[in-house]
Amino acid sequence: MPELTPNSKFGTEITADDIVETLGFFDTWEDRYKYIIDLGKEVPALESAQQIEENLVRGCQSQVWLVHREEGGRLYFDADSDAFIVRGLLGVVLAAYNGKTPEDVLAFDIEGYFHELNLLKHLSVTRGNGLRAMVARIQEIARRS
């Protein structure tokens, strides 16, 4: 299996706090959507060999693939999607979880984070469900680690 992308900025250079702070600068949701889409451009693409059935996240409207590795007691995730806005949402989630211990992943208040971003009420129901499916998959990985 190919190596995971080791140089994702999410969780290190781009943190959940950074995203909260940056989104706070924008006055309109149109500008916030543009920022989220731009975040998606920073999410490293998965190799086609990783875009397989077993890595698909169920419950997402778009196709979303998630892979992970554990290194030094910390979890690292890489993800990809066929939709621009979803790639950005992946960046939002990866910023919160990448490089954290399994305990930190499970303790992180993801609903509080989404509330602080005022995110879920600006997404369609299916996108919101997909976002929660991504989070559930990451938390399941953390529980098994």
Protein backbone atom coordinates (compact mmCIF):
# COMPACT_ATOMS: atom_id res chain seq x y z
CA MET A 1 0.00 0.00 0.00
CA PRO A 2 1.39 3.47 -0.85
CA GLU A 3 2.74 5.72 1.91
CA LEU A 4 0.33 8.22 3.40
CA THR A 5 0.98 11.85 2.62
CA PRO A 6 3.28 12.94 5.46
CA ASN A 7 3.17 16.64 4.73
CA SER A 8 -0.43 17.57 5.38
CA LYS A 9 -0.61 21.02 6.94
CA PHE A 10 -3.80 20.18 8.80
CA GLY A 11 -3.41 19.73 12.53
CA THR A 12 0.07 21.28 12.47
CA GLU A 13 0.34 24.46 10.40
CA ILE A 14 -3.43 24.82 10.08
CA THR A 15 -5.18 24.14 13.39
CA ALA A 16 -8.80 24.22 14.47
CA ASP A 17 -8.10 27.51 16.28
CA ASP A 18 -6.65 28.97 13.06
CA ILE A 19 -9.80 28.05 11.15
CA VAL A 20 -12.08 29.51 13.83
CA GLU A 21 -10.05 32.72 13.84
CA THR A 22 -9.88 33.06 10.06
CA LEU A 23 -13.58 32.35 9.49
CA GLY A 24 -14.31 35.05 12.08
CA PHE A 25 -12.78 37.65 9.76
CA PHE A 26 -15.38 37.07 7.05
CA ASP A 27 -18.67 38.96 7.14
CA THR A 28 -20.66 36.79 4.73
CA TRP A 29 -21.16 33.09 4.31
CA GLU A 30 -20.28 33.42 0.64
CA ASP A 31 -16.78 34.53 1.71
CA ARG A 32 -16.62 31.75 4.30
CA TYR A 33 -17.55 29.15 1.66
CA LYS A 34 -14.79 30.49 -0.58
CA TYR A 35 -12.33 30.13 2.29
CA ILE A 36 -13.47 26.57 3.00
CA ILE A 37 -13.11 25.70 -0.70
CA ASP A 38 -9.62 27.24 -0.64
CA LEU A 39 -8.81 25.08 2.40
CA GLY A 40 -9.76 22.08 0.30
CA LYS A 41 -7.06 22.98 -2.19
CA GLU A 42 -4.54 22.51 0.64
CA VAL A 43 -5.73 18.95 1.37
CA PRO A 44 -3.24 16.59 -0.31
CA ALA A 45 -4.95 14.29 -2.81
CA LEU A 46 -4.91 10.59 -2.10
CA GLU A 47 -3.33 8.30 -4.63
CA SER A 48 -5.81 6.37 -6.74
CA ALA A 49 -4.66 3.15 -5.02
CA GLN A 50 -6.05 4.60 -1.76
CA GLN A 51 -9.39 5.55 -3.30
CA ILE A 52 -10.83 2.12 -2.76
CA GLU A 53 -14.05 0.74 -1.34
CA GLU A 54 -12.63 -0.06 2.12
CA ASN A 55 -11.52 3.57 2.56
CA LEU A 56 -14.89 5.06 1.56
CA VAL A 57 -16.79 6.90 4.29
CA ARG A 58 -20.42 5.79 4.32
CA GLY A 59 -23.10 8.44 4.76
CA CYS A 60 -21.50 11.14 2.65
CA GLN A 61 -23.33 12.60 -0.33
CA SER A 62 -20.06 12.86 -2.26
CA GLN A 63 -17.38 10.23 -2.39
CA VAL A 64 -15.02 10.60 0.57
CA TRP A 65 -12.03 8.40 1.28
CA LEU A 66 -10.22 8.35 4.61
CA VAL A 67 -6.95 6.61 5.49
CA HIS A 68 -4.94 6.78 8.67
CA ARG A 69 -1.77 5.73 10.39
CA GLU A 70 -0.61 5.73 13.99
CA GLU A 71 2.86 7.02 14.67
CA GLY A 72 4.39 7.73 18.07
CA GLY A 73 1.02 7.29 19.78
CA ARG A 74 -0.61 9.90 17.52
CA LEU A 75 -3.14 9.47 14.72
CA TYR A 76 -2.61 10.95 11.29
CA PHE A 77 -5.40 11.09 8.75
CA ASP A 78 -5.44 11.74 5.04
CA ALA A 79 -8.66 12.19 3.16
CA ASP A 80 -9.96 13.08 -0.26
CA SER A 81 -13.25 13.79 -1.98
CA ASP A 82 -14.60 14.31 -5.45
CA ALA A 83 -16.33 17.58 -4.37
CA PHE A 84 -14.54 20.90 -3.77
CA ILE A 85 -16.60 21.99 -0.76
CA VAL A 86 -16.25 18.55 0.83
CA ARG A 87 -12.45 18.70 0.45
CA GLY A 88 -12.63 21.97 2.37
CA LEU A 89 -14.81 20.40 5.06
CA LEU A 90 -12.26 17.60 5.28
CA GLY A 91 -9.64 20.27 5.97
CA VAL A 92 -11.81 21.66 8.77
CA VAL A 93 -12.08 18.19 10.34
CA LEU A 94 -8.42 17.25 9.79
CA ALA A 95 -7.32 20.49 11.45
CA ALA A 96 -9.12 19.34 14.59
CA TYR A 97 -7.89 15.73 14.66
CA ASN A 98 -4.60 15.28 12.80
CA GLY A 99 -1.59 14.54 14.99
CA LYS A 100 -3.65 13.99 18.14
CA THR A 101 -3.58 11.01 20.46
CA PRO A 102 -6.61 8.71 20.32
CA GLU A 103 -7.65 10.09 23.73
CA ASP A 104 -7.42 13.67 22.46
CA VAL A 105 -9.47 12.77 19.39
CA LEU A 106 -12.22 11.29 21.54
CA ALA A 107 -12.12 14.18 24.05
CA PHE A 108 -12.27 16.94 21.42
CA ASP A 109 -15.62 18.76 21.46
CA ILE A 110 -16.34 18.52 17.74
CA GLU A 111 -19.94 19.71 18.11
CA GLY A 112 -18.68 22.76 20.01
CA TYR A 113 -16.13 23.37 17.23
CA PHE A 114 -18.82 23.17 14.55
CA HIS A 115 -21.05 25.45 16.64
CA GLU A 116 -18.21 27.97 17.03
CA LEU A 117 -17.76 27.91 13.25
CA ASN A 118 -21.54 28.28 12.84
CA LEU A 119 -21.08 25.64 10.20
CA LEU A 120 -23.89 23.09 10.32
CA LYS A 121 -26.74 25.53 9.83
CA HIS A 122 -25.10 26.72 6.61
CA LEU A 123 -24.76 23.24 5.11
CA SER A 124 -27.45 21.14 3.50
CA VAL A 125 -28.77 18.31 5.64
CA THR A 126 -26.95 15.75 3.49
CA ARG A 127 -23.63 17.65 3.77
CA GLY A 128 -24.10 17.93 7.53
CA ASN A 129 -24.78 14.19 7.75
CA GLY A 130 -21.68 13.53 5.67
CA LEU A 131 -19.60 15.72 7.95
CA ARG A 132 -20.83 13.76 10.97
CA ALA A 133 -20.09 10.48 9.15
CA MET A 134 -16.47 11.62 8.65
CA VAL A 135 -16.20 12.49 12.33
CA ALA A 136 -17.77 9.17 13.37
CA ARG A 137 -15.24 7.26 11.25
CA ILE A 138 -12.32 9.15 12.80
CA GLN A 139 -13.67 8.59 16.30
CA GLU A 140 -14.15 4.88 15.54
CA ILE A 141 -10.49 4.67 14.47
CA ALA A 142 -9.46 6.45 17.69
CA ARG A 143 -11.50 4.02 19.82
CA ARG A 144 -9.80 1.02 18.16
CA SER A 145 -6.30 2.49 18.58
